[in-house]
N, C-alpha and C. Protein backbone atom coordinates (compact mmCIF):
# COMPACT_ATOMS: atom_id res chain seq x y z
N UNK A 1 -26.07 -18.06 10.02
CA UNK A 1 -25.74 -19.38 9.08
C UNK A 1 -24.37 -19.79 9.32
N UNK A 2 -24.49 -21.10 9.94
CA UNK A 2 -23.22 -21.85 10.22
C UNK A 2 -23.13 -23.10 9.60
N UNK A 3 -21.97 -23.25 8.93
CA UNK A 3 -21.74 -24.70 8.22
C UNK A 3 -20.51 -25.06 8.74
N UNK A 4 -20.21 -26.47 9.07
CA UNK A 4 -19.05 -27.10 9.52
C UNK A 4 -18.63 -27.74 8.24
N UNK A 5 -17.56 -27.22 7.76
CA UNK A 5 -16.94 -27.87 6.38
C UNK A 5 -15.98 -28.93 6.60
N UNK A 6 -16.14 -29.98 5.90
CA UNK A 6 -15.26 -31.21 6.12
C UNK A 6 -14.20 -31.10 5.07
N UNK A 7 -13.26 -31.81 5.09
CA UNK A 7 -12.11 -31.85 4.08
C UNK A 7 -12.25 -32.94 2.83
N UNK A 8 -13.39 -33.54 3.00
CA UNK A 8 -13.62 -34.54 1.96
C UNK A 8 -14.36 -34.15 0.66
N UNK A 9 -15.36 -33.26 0.91
CA UNK A 9 -16.11 -32.83 -0.26
C UNK A 9 -15.86 -31.34 -0.67
N UNK A 10 -15.89 -31.07 -1.95
CA UNK A 10 -15.74 -29.57 -2.25
C UNK A 10 -16.63 -28.82 -1.44
N UNK A 11 -16.20 -27.63 -1.08
CA UNK A 11 -17.03 -26.58 -0.36
C UNK A 11 -18.36 -26.30 -1.04
N UNK A 12 -18.38 -26.00 -2.28
CA UNK A 12 -19.73 -25.52 -2.81
C UNK A 12 -20.62 -26.78 -2.74
N UNK A 13 -20.26 -27.91 -2.81
CA UNK A 13 -21.12 -29.02 -2.61
C UNK A 13 -21.74 -29.11 -1.21
N UNK A 14 -20.86 -28.82 -0.29
CA UNK A 14 -21.26 -28.92 1.28
C UNK A 14 -22.33 -27.59 1.42
N UNK A 15 -22.07 -26.41 0.69
CA UNK A 15 -23.00 -25.20 0.80
C UNK A 15 -24.38 -25.71 0.26
N UNK A 16 -24.35 -26.35 -0.95
CA UNK A 16 -25.63 -26.89 -1.42
C UNK A 16 -26.31 -27.84 -0.57
N UNK A 17 -25.61 -28.82 0.12
CA UNK A 17 -26.08 -29.55 1.09
C UNK A 17 -26.72 -28.83 2.19
N UNK A 18 -26.04 -27.83 2.68
CA UNK A 18 -26.67 -27.23 3.86
C UNK A 18 -27.95 -26.54 3.35
N UNK A 19 -27.98 -25.85 2.30
CA UNK A 19 -29.28 -25.41 1.82
C UNK A 19 -30.36 -26.30 1.71
N UNK A 20 -30.06 -27.52 1.25
CA UNK A 20 -31.16 -28.58 1.19
C UNK A 20 -31.36 -29.22 2.57
N UNK A 21 -30.44 -29.25 3.49
CA UNK A 21 -30.99 -29.57 4.93
C UNK A 21 -31.74 -28.49 5.55
N UNK A 22 -31.44 -27.28 5.30
CA UNK A 22 -32.21 -26.00 5.91
C UNK A 22 -33.69 -26.05 5.32
N UNK A 23 -33.78 -26.42 3.97
CA UNK A 23 -35.08 -26.31 3.39
C UNK A 23 -35.90 -27.68 3.71
N UNK A 24 -35.33 -28.88 3.87
CA UNK A 24 -35.97 -30.04 4.24
C UNK A 24 -36.45 -29.82 5.66
N UNK A 25 -35.79 -29.12 6.45
CA UNK A 25 -36.12 -29.10 7.96
C UNK A 25 -37.18 -28.00 8.22
N UNK A 26 -37.32 -27.17 7.10
CA UNK A 26 -38.43 -26.18 7.22
C UNK A 26 -37.84 -24.77 7.82
N UNK A 27 -36.42 -24.74 7.82
CA UNK A 27 -35.88 -23.55 8.43
C UNK A 27 -35.62 -22.52 7.27
N UNK A 28 -35.81 -22.87 5.93
CA UNK A 28 -35.84 -22.09 4.94
C UNK A 28 -37.10 -22.31 4.22
N UNK A 29 -38.00 -21.24 4.00
CA UNK A 29 -39.27 -21.48 3.42
C UNK A 29 -39.34 -21.31 1.91
N UNK A 30 -40.22 -21.91 1.10
CA UNK A 30 -40.37 -21.59 -0.10
C UNK A 30 -40.61 -20.15 -0.50
N UNK A 31 -39.87 -19.59 -1.29
CA UNK A 31 -40.04 -18.15 -1.80
C UNK A 31 -39.23 -17.24 -0.90
N UNK A 32 -38.60 -17.87 0.18
CA UNK A 32 -37.67 -16.91 1.11
C UNK A 32 -36.56 -16.49 0.30
N UNK A 33 -36.06 -15.24 0.61
CA UNK A 33 -34.92 -14.74 -0.11
C UNK A 33 -33.70 -15.35 0.55
N UNK A 34 -32.73 -15.62 -0.33
CA UNK A 34 -31.41 -16.15 0.17
C UNK A 34 -30.40 -15.03 0.18
N UNK A 35 -29.36 -15.15 0.98
CA UNK A 35 -28.31 -14.07 1.06
C UNK A 35 -27.83 -13.91 -0.42
N UNK A 36 -27.18 -12.58 -0.66
CA UNK A 36 -26.43 -12.51 -1.92
C UNK A 36 -25.29 -13.33 -1.95
N UNK A 37 -24.66 -13.53 -3.15
CA UNK A 37 -23.47 -14.45 -3.11
C UNK A 37 -22.34 -14.02 -2.57
N UNK A 38 -22.34 -12.50 -2.45
CA UNK A 38 -21.11 -11.89 -1.76
C UNK A 38 -21.42 -12.09 -0.17
N UNK A 39 -22.68 -11.87 0.22
CA UNK A 39 -22.96 -11.96 1.71
C UNK A 39 -22.78 -13.32 2.13
N UNK A 40 -23.19 -14.28 1.38
CA UNK A 40 -22.96 -15.73 1.70
C UNK A 40 -21.57 -15.98 1.88
N UNK A 41 -20.71 -15.55 1.04
CA UNK A 41 -19.28 -15.83 1.02
C UNK A 41 -18.76 -15.20 2.23
N UNK A 42 -19.21 -13.92 2.74
CA UNK A 42 -18.64 -13.37 3.85
C UNK A 42 -19.04 -14.04 5.13
N UNK A 43 -20.37 -14.48 5.21
CA UNK A 43 -21.00 -15.20 6.28
C UNK A 43 -20.19 -16.45 6.65
N UNK A 44 -19.89 -17.24 5.58
CA UNK A 44 -19.33 -18.62 5.70
C UNK A 44 -17.67 -18.51 5.51
N UNK A 45 -17.28 -17.32 5.34
CA UNK A 45 -15.81 -17.13 5.05
C UNK A 45 -15.40 -18.18 3.97
N UNK A 46 -16.05 -18.06 2.92
CA UNK A 46 -15.58 -18.71 1.84
C UNK A 46 -15.23 -17.68 0.55
N UNK A 47 -14.64 -18.32 -0.44
CA UNK A 47 -14.51 -17.58 -1.69
C UNK A 47 -15.67 -17.13 -2.33
N UNK A 48 -15.85 -15.97 -2.73
CA UNK A 48 -17.09 -15.53 -3.34
C UNK A 48 -17.19 -16.45 -4.71
N UNK A 49 -16.28 -16.90 -5.38
CA UNK A 49 -16.31 -17.67 -6.69
C UNK A 49 -17.02 -19.02 -6.15
N UNK A 50 -16.72 -19.50 -4.99
CA UNK A 50 -17.40 -20.79 -4.47
C UNK A 50 -18.85 -20.54 -4.17
N UNK A 51 -19.14 -19.54 -3.42
CA UNK A 51 -20.66 -19.12 -3.34
C UNK A 51 -21.36 -18.94 -4.73
N UNK A 52 -20.68 -18.46 -5.68
CA UNK A 52 -21.39 -18.37 -6.88
C UNK A 52 -21.57 -19.58 -7.64
N UNK A 53 -20.47 -20.48 -7.46
CA UNK A 53 -20.67 -21.80 -8.00
C UNK A 53 -21.83 -22.63 -7.46
N UNK A 54 -21.84 -22.55 -6.08
CA UNK A 54 -22.92 -23.25 -5.20
C UNK A 54 -24.38 -22.62 -5.73
N UNK A 55 -24.36 -21.30 -5.97
CA UNK A 55 -25.70 -20.67 -6.36
C UNK A 55 -26.26 -21.21 -7.76
N UNK A 56 -25.20 -21.15 -8.60
CA UNK A 56 -25.23 -21.70 -10.16
C UNK A 56 -25.82 -23.03 -10.08
N UNK A 57 -25.20 -23.84 -9.15
CA UNK A 57 -25.78 -25.44 -9.23
C UNK A 57 -27.09 -25.38 -8.68
N UNK A 58 -27.41 -24.64 -7.66
CA UNK A 58 -28.80 -24.72 -7.24
C UNK A 58 -29.84 -24.17 -8.03
N UNK A 59 -29.31 -23.22 -8.85
CA UNK A 59 -30.31 -22.55 -9.85
C UNK A 59 -30.73 -23.63 -10.93
N UNK A 60 -29.60 -24.36 -11.27
CA UNK A 60 -29.58 -25.55 -12.47
C UNK A 60 -30.40 -26.63 -11.86
N UNK A 61 -30.53 -26.97 -10.60
CA UNK A 61 -31.22 -27.97 -9.93
C UNK A 61 -32.67 -27.39 -9.74
N UNK A 62 -32.91 -26.06 -9.89
CA UNK A 62 -34.21 -25.56 -9.59
C UNK A 62 -34.52 -25.29 -8.16
N UNK A 63 -33.50 -25.37 -7.21
CA UNK A 63 -33.61 -25.31 -5.91
C UNK A 63 -33.83 -23.66 -5.51
N UNK A 64 -33.19 -22.95 -6.27
CA UNK A 64 -33.39 -21.36 -6.07
C UNK A 64 -33.63 -20.81 -7.46
N UNK A 65 -34.16 -19.50 -7.50
CA UNK A 65 -34.41 -18.84 -8.70
C UNK A 65 -34.12 -17.41 -8.47
N UNK A 66 -33.70 -16.63 -9.61
CA UNK A 66 -33.35 -15.30 -9.60
C UNK A 66 -34.23 -14.72 -10.62
N UNK A 67 -34.92 -13.69 -10.40
CA UNK A 67 -35.80 -12.91 -11.46
C UNK A 67 -35.05 -11.63 -11.56
N UNK A 68 -34.66 -11.28 -12.88
CA UNK A 68 -33.98 -9.95 -13.23
C UNK A 68 -32.82 -9.61 -12.05
N UNK A 69 -32.97 -8.43 -11.53
CA UNK A 69 -31.87 -8.11 -10.65
C UNK A 69 -32.32 -8.21 -9.09
N UNK A 70 -33.50 -8.98 -8.82
CA UNK A 70 -33.96 -9.31 -7.52
C UNK A 70 -33.16 -10.37 -6.87
N UNK A 71 -33.18 -10.31 -5.52
CA UNK A 71 -32.43 -11.50 -4.73
C UNK A 71 -32.84 -12.75 -5.13
N UNK A 72 -32.10 -13.76 -5.12
CA UNK A 72 -32.37 -15.10 -5.26
C UNK A 72 -33.42 -15.61 -4.25
N UNK A 73 -34.23 -16.47 -4.54
CA UNK A 73 -35.26 -16.99 -3.60
C UNK A 73 -35.41 -18.61 -3.71
N UNK A 74 -35.83 -19.21 -2.58
CA UNK A 74 -35.91 -20.57 -2.46
C UNK A 74 -37.11 -20.92 -3.42
N UNK A 75 -37.03 -22.13 -4.20
CA UNK A 75 -38.28 -22.43 -5.19
C UNK A 75 -39.45 -22.70 -4.40
N UNK A 76 -40.59 -22.51 -5.16
CA UNK A 76 -41.88 -22.93 -4.40
C UNK A 76 -42.37 -24.07 -5.10
N UNK A 77 -41.55 -24.65 -6.06
CA UNK A 77 -41.83 -25.96 -6.63
C UNK A 77 -42.03 -27.20 -5.74
N UNK A 78 -43.31 -27.48 -5.43
CA UNK A 78 -43.40 -28.64 -4.54
C UNK A 78 -42.72 -29.92 -5.00
N UNK A 79 -42.65 -30.26 -6.36
CA UNK A 79 -42.01 -31.46 -6.72
C UNK A 79 -40.42 -31.22 -6.36
N UNK A 80 -39.82 -30.12 -6.45
CA UNK A 80 -38.37 -30.13 -6.30
C UNK A 80 -38.23 -30.21 -4.63
N UNK A 81 -39.15 -29.59 -3.99
CA UNK A 81 -38.79 -29.59 -2.48
C UNK A 81 -38.93 -30.86 -1.97
N UNK A 82 -40.10 -31.53 -2.47
CA UNK A 82 -40.28 -33.02 -2.15
C UNK A 82 -38.97 -33.84 -2.52
N UNK A 83 -38.53 -33.66 -3.71
CA UNK A 83 -37.38 -34.43 -4.19
C UNK A 83 -36.08 -34.36 -3.26
N UNK A 84 -36.00 -33.03 -2.75
CA UNK A 84 -34.75 -32.64 -1.84
C UNK A 84 -34.93 -33.44 -0.65
N UNK A 85 -36.16 -33.51 0.07
CA UNK A 85 -36.44 -34.03 1.28
C UNK A 85 -36.20 -35.69 1.03
N UNK A 86 -36.72 -36.26 0.11
CA UNK A 86 -36.59 -37.65 -0.33
C UNK A 86 -35.16 -37.99 -0.46
N UNK A 87 -34.24 -37.09 -1.17
CA UNK A 87 -32.88 -37.35 -1.36
C UNK A 87 -32.21 -37.40 0.05
N UNK A 88 -32.48 -36.53 0.76
CA UNK A 88 -31.76 -36.48 2.05
C UNK A 88 -32.16 -37.58 3.02
N UNK A 89 -33.32 -37.98 2.88
CA UNK A 89 -33.78 -39.21 3.57
C UNK A 89 -33.11 -40.44 3.19
N UNK A 90 -33.17 -40.66 1.92
CA UNK A 90 -32.55 -41.70 1.13
C UNK A 90 -31.04 -42.00 1.56
N UNK A 91 -30.32 -40.74 1.61
CA UNK A 91 -28.83 -40.59 1.74
C UNK A 91 -28.75 -41.17 3.28
N UNK A 92 -29.47 -40.62 4.11
CA UNK A 92 -29.33 -41.13 5.58
C UNK A 92 -29.50 -42.45 5.92
N UNK A 93 -30.73 -43.03 5.12
CA UNK A 93 -31.06 -44.44 5.29
C UNK A 93 -29.91 -45.22 4.63
N UNK A 94 -29.31 -44.96 3.51
CA UNK A 94 -28.20 -45.74 2.90
C UNK A 94 -27.16 -45.70 3.87
N UNK A 95 -26.76 -44.64 4.36
CA UNK A 95 -25.56 -44.43 5.41
C UNK A 95 -25.82 -45.40 6.70
N UNK A 96 -27.11 -45.35 7.06
CA UNK A 96 -27.41 -46.28 8.29
C UNK A 96 -27.27 -47.64 8.07
N UNK A 97 -27.95 -47.99 6.84
CA UNK A 97 -27.89 -49.32 6.49
C UNK A 97 -26.41 -49.94 6.28
N UNK A 98 -25.70 -49.15 5.71
CA UNK A 98 -24.22 -49.50 5.40
C UNK A 98 -23.61 -49.80 7.04
N UNK A 99 -23.88 -49.00 7.88
CA UNK A 99 -23.46 -49.19 9.31
C UNK A 99 -23.84 -50.32 9.91
N UNK A 100 -25.15 -50.46 9.86
CA UNK A 100 -25.83 -51.65 10.60
C UNK A 100 -25.44 -52.91 9.93
N UNK A 101 -25.47 -53.00 8.55
CA UNK A 101 -24.98 -54.25 7.80
C UNK A 101 -23.56 -54.58 8.25
N UNK A 102 -22.68 -53.66 8.51
CA UNK A 102 -21.22 -54.06 8.89
C UNK A 102 -21.07 -54.90 10.11
N UNK A 103 -22.16 -54.59 11.04
CA UNK A 103 -22.01 -55.41 12.39
C UNK A 103 -23.13 -56.61 12.33
N UNK A 104 -23.42 -56.87 11.04
CA UNK A 104 -24.44 -58.05 10.81
C UNK A 104 -25.68 -58.03 11.80
N UNK A 105 -26.14 -56.78 12.11
CA UNK A 105 -27.39 -56.76 12.76
C UNK A 105 -28.69 -57.24 11.96
N UNK A 106 -29.49 -58.11 12.83
CA UNK A 106 -30.73 -58.69 12.12
C UNK A 106 -31.56 -57.55 11.85
N UNK A 107 -32.24 -57.65 10.65
CA UNK A 107 -33.24 -56.60 10.26
C UNK A 107 -34.36 -56.33 11.29
N UNK A 108 -34.95 -57.43 11.82
CA UNK A 108 -36.14 -57.35 12.69
C UNK A 108 -35.65 -56.66 13.96
N UNK A 109 -34.48 -56.84 14.53
CA UNK A 109 -33.89 -56.17 15.62
C UNK A 109 -33.76 -54.68 15.40
N UNK A 110 -33.19 -54.47 14.42
CA UNK A 110 -32.93 -53.13 13.89
C UNK A 110 -34.31 -52.28 13.81
N UNK A 111 -35.17 -52.72 13.02
CA UNK A 111 -36.38 -52.21 12.87
C UNK A 111 -37.19 -51.84 14.16
N UNK A 112 -37.13 -52.78 15.12
CA UNK A 112 -37.68 -52.65 16.49
C UNK A 112 -36.94 -51.56 17.33
N UNK A 113 -35.68 -51.60 17.23
CA UNK A 113 -34.93 -50.48 17.78
C UNK A 113 -35.12 -49.25 17.30
N UNK A 114 -35.21 -49.23 15.95
CA UNK A 114 -35.51 -47.89 15.12
C UNK A 114 -36.95 -47.13 15.79
N UNK A 115 -38.02 -48.17 15.80
CA UNK A 115 -39.25 -47.81 16.18
C UNK A 115 -39.24 -47.23 17.60
N UNK A 116 -38.56 -47.96 18.50
CA UNK A 116 -38.35 -47.62 20.02
C UNK A 116 -37.70 -46.27 19.98
N UNK A 117 -36.45 -45.96 19.52
CA UNK A 117 -35.89 -44.67 19.48
C UNK A 117 -36.47 -43.62 18.88
N UNK A 118 -37.16 -43.95 17.71
CA UNK A 118 -37.98 -42.79 17.07
C UNK A 118 -39.17 -42.18 17.98
N UNK A 119 -39.96 -43.13 18.64
CA UNK A 119 -40.95 -42.73 19.39
C UNK A 119 -40.49 -42.14 20.74
N UNK A 120 -39.28 -42.59 21.29
CA UNK A 120 -38.57 -41.86 22.25
C UNK A 120 -38.26 -40.33 21.93
N UNK A 121 -37.72 -40.14 20.92
CA UNK A 121 -37.42 -38.81 20.32
C UNK A 121 -38.61 -37.98 20.13
N UNK A 122 -39.64 -38.46 19.69
CA UNK A 122 -40.88 -37.88 19.38
C UNK A 122 -41.58 -37.36 20.76
N UNK A 123 -41.34 -38.28 21.73
CA UNK A 123 -41.81 -38.02 23.08
C UNK A 123 -40.96 -37.01 23.89
N UNK A 124 -39.90 -36.62 23.32
CA UNK A 124 -38.95 -35.82 23.90
C UNK A 124 -37.99 -36.41 24.93
N UNK A 125 -38.06 -37.60 24.89
CA UNK A 125 -37.17 -38.39 25.78
C UNK A 125 -35.65 -38.62 24.91
N UNK A 126 -35.11 -39.57 25.15
CA UNK A 126 -33.82 -39.93 24.35
C UNK A 126 -32.94 -38.90 23.90
N UNK A 127 -32.87 -37.77 24.69
CA UNK A 127 -31.98 -36.75 24.18
C UNK A 127 -30.57 -37.24 24.61
N UNK A 128 -29.60 -36.30 24.33
CA UNK A 128 -28.18 -36.76 24.44
C UNK A 128 -27.89 -36.81 25.97
N UNK A 129 -27.29 -37.61 26.31
CA UNK A 129 -26.79 -37.76 27.76
C UNK A 129 -25.38 -37.50 27.91
N UNK A 130 -24.97 -36.40 27.91
CA UNK A 130 -23.37 -36.01 27.85
C UNK A 130 -22.98 -36.14 29.50
């Protein structure tokens, strides 16, 4: 588990964001056990209190659950899982729109370019050319 932390957002928020991205991408499955708070802190080299805060927030959001003394697990609630995916897509779209509007790009050209690039990515073309 690797997370690149930025200096803008609180670390616990970035940890939550990482979990959401992993869930939305299907890399963490519903019902899957998550690392213990102490284990997560060690893996990410963060303060255990920060890991605890991230888990507390994720439990409040319903993203993870803990039964008695068993390890915490990713929720199986389809509504919550769908909301996570929608939240991430909406955030990406809003960031994209802000960028595109800043250069006054016409909507029809933007949509056409999105469709073209999306299809290229699906076909396995359009990879990065470093």
